[in-house]
Protein backbone atom coordinates (compact mmCIF):
# COMPACT_ATOMS: atom_id res chain seq x y z
CA UNK A 1 29.55 13.18 -20.00
CA UNK A 2 31.47 11.62 -22.88
CA UNK A 3 31.20 8.23 -24.50
CA UNK A 4 34.49 7.29 -22.83
CA UNK A 5 32.87 7.78 -19.42
CA UNK A 6 30.01 5.40 -20.20
CA UNK A 7 30.32 1.64 -20.11
CA UNK A 8 27.42 0.58 -22.36
CA UNK A 9 27.49 -3.00 -21.07
CA UNK A 10 27.23 -1.90 -17.45
CA UNK A 11 24.53 0.64 -18.33
CA UNK A 12 22.55 -2.03 -20.18
CA UNK A 13 22.68 -4.34 -17.15
CA UNK A 14 21.56 -1.51 -14.87
CA UNK A 15 18.69 -0.67 -17.22
CA UNK A 16 17.62 -4.31 -17.53
CA UNK A 17 17.48 -4.57 -13.76
CA UNK A 18 15.41 -1.41 -13.18
CA UNK A 19 13.01 -2.11 -16.04
CA UNK A 20 12.47 -5.73 -14.96
CA UNK A 21 11.81 -4.64 -11.38
CA UNK A 22 9.53 -1.81 -12.48
CA UNK A 23 7.42 -4.10 -14.68
CA UNK A 24 7.10 -6.60 -11.82
CA UNK A 25 6.56 -4.06 -9.04
CA UNK A 26 6.11 -0.43 -10.14
CA UNK A 27 5.92 0.84 -6.57
CA UNK A 28 9.30 -0.59 -5.43
CA UNK A 29 10.80 2.46 -3.71
CA UNK A 30 14.44 1.40 -3.95
CA UNK A 31 14.02 0.71 -7.67
CA UNK A 32 12.35 4.10 -8.18
CA UNK A 33 15.35 5.74 -6.49
CA UNK A 34 17.69 3.85 -8.84
CA UNK A 35 15.56 4.94 -11.82
CA UNK A 36 15.89 8.54 -10.65
CA UNK A 37 19.67 8.17 -10.27
CA UNK A 38 20.10 6.66 -13.74
CA UNK A 39 17.82 9.26 -15.30
CA UNK A 40 19.67 12.14 -13.66
CA UNK A 41 23.05 10.75 -14.63
CA UNK A 42 22.40 9.79 -18.27
CA UNK A 43 19.60 12.02 -19.61
CA UNK A 44 22.10 14.50 -21.05
CA UNK A 45 24.05 11.66 -22.70
CA UNK A 46 21.25 10.20 -24.81
CA UNK A 47 22.64 11.72 -28.01
CA UNK A 48 25.87 9.72 -27.65
CA UNK A 49 24.18 6.45 -26.66
CA UNK A 50 23.10 3.86 -29.19
CA UNK A 51 19.65 2.31 -29.31
CA UNK A 52 18.02 0.87 -27.30
CA UNK A 53 20.00 2.51 -24.47
CA UNK A 54 19.05 6.01 -25.59
CA UNK A 55 15.33 5.23 -25.67
CA UNK A 56 15.56 3.39 -22.36
CA UNK A 57 17.03 6.49 -20.70
CA UNK A 58 14.30 8.73 -22.16
CA UNK A 59 11.52 6.44 -20.92
CA UNK A 60 12.95 6.65 -17.38
CA UNK A 61 11.51 10.16 -17.21
CA UNK A 62 8.05 8.76 -17.93
CA UNK A 63 8.53 6.09 -15.28
CA UNK A 64 9.35 8.80 -12.74
CA UNK A 65 5.86 10.23 -13.44
CA UNK A 66 4.14 6.84 -12.91
CA UNK A 67 1.25 7.09 -10.48
CA UNK A 68 1.35 10.88 -10.41
CA UNK A 69 -1.27 11.52 -13.08
CA UNK A 70 0.98 13.66 -15.26
CA UNK A 71 2.05 13.07 -18.84
CA UNK A 72 1.35 9.56 -20.12
CA UNK A 73 -1.18 7.33 -18.42
CA UNK A 74 0.13 4.62 -16.13
CA UNK A 75 -0.91 1.95 -18.65
CA UNK A 76 1.01 3.75 -21.43
CA UNK A 77 4.09 3.99 -19.21
CA UNK A 78 3.87 0.29 -18.36
CA UNK A 79 3.45 -0.66 -22.02
CA UNK A 80 6.46 1.45 -23.01
CA UNK A 81 8.48 -0.07 -20.19
CA UNK A 82 7.66 -3.61 -21.31
CA UNK A 83 8.64 -2.74 -24.87
CA UNK A 84 11.96 -1.24 -23.77
CA UNK A 85 12.67 -4.25 -21.55
CA UNK A 86 12.15 -6.56 -24.52
CA UNK A 87 14.38 -4.40 -26.74
CA UNK A 88 17.13 -4.41 -24.11
CA UNK A 89 16.93 -8.18 -23.80
CA UNK A 90 17.26 -8.61 -27.57
CA UNK A 91 20.22 -6.25 -27.95
């Protein structure tokens, strides 16, 4: 994926939506599917994305592990998600 294939404004809106929904309802199955889709699509593009989009994509991997007892604790994942949501809102 190249930077020409990524619309950063559209990506930001998509990320704001999934992070907001996750923070409000971490078990929302349709949102978790969208998180998986975004993660799969953009993980390999993080080096060409600017902050906070790059960090937001990386944290999606942690969100995918939420509730599964692997990696970060659920409270750490939620805290990171809230921080990313705030950063996205400010950018």
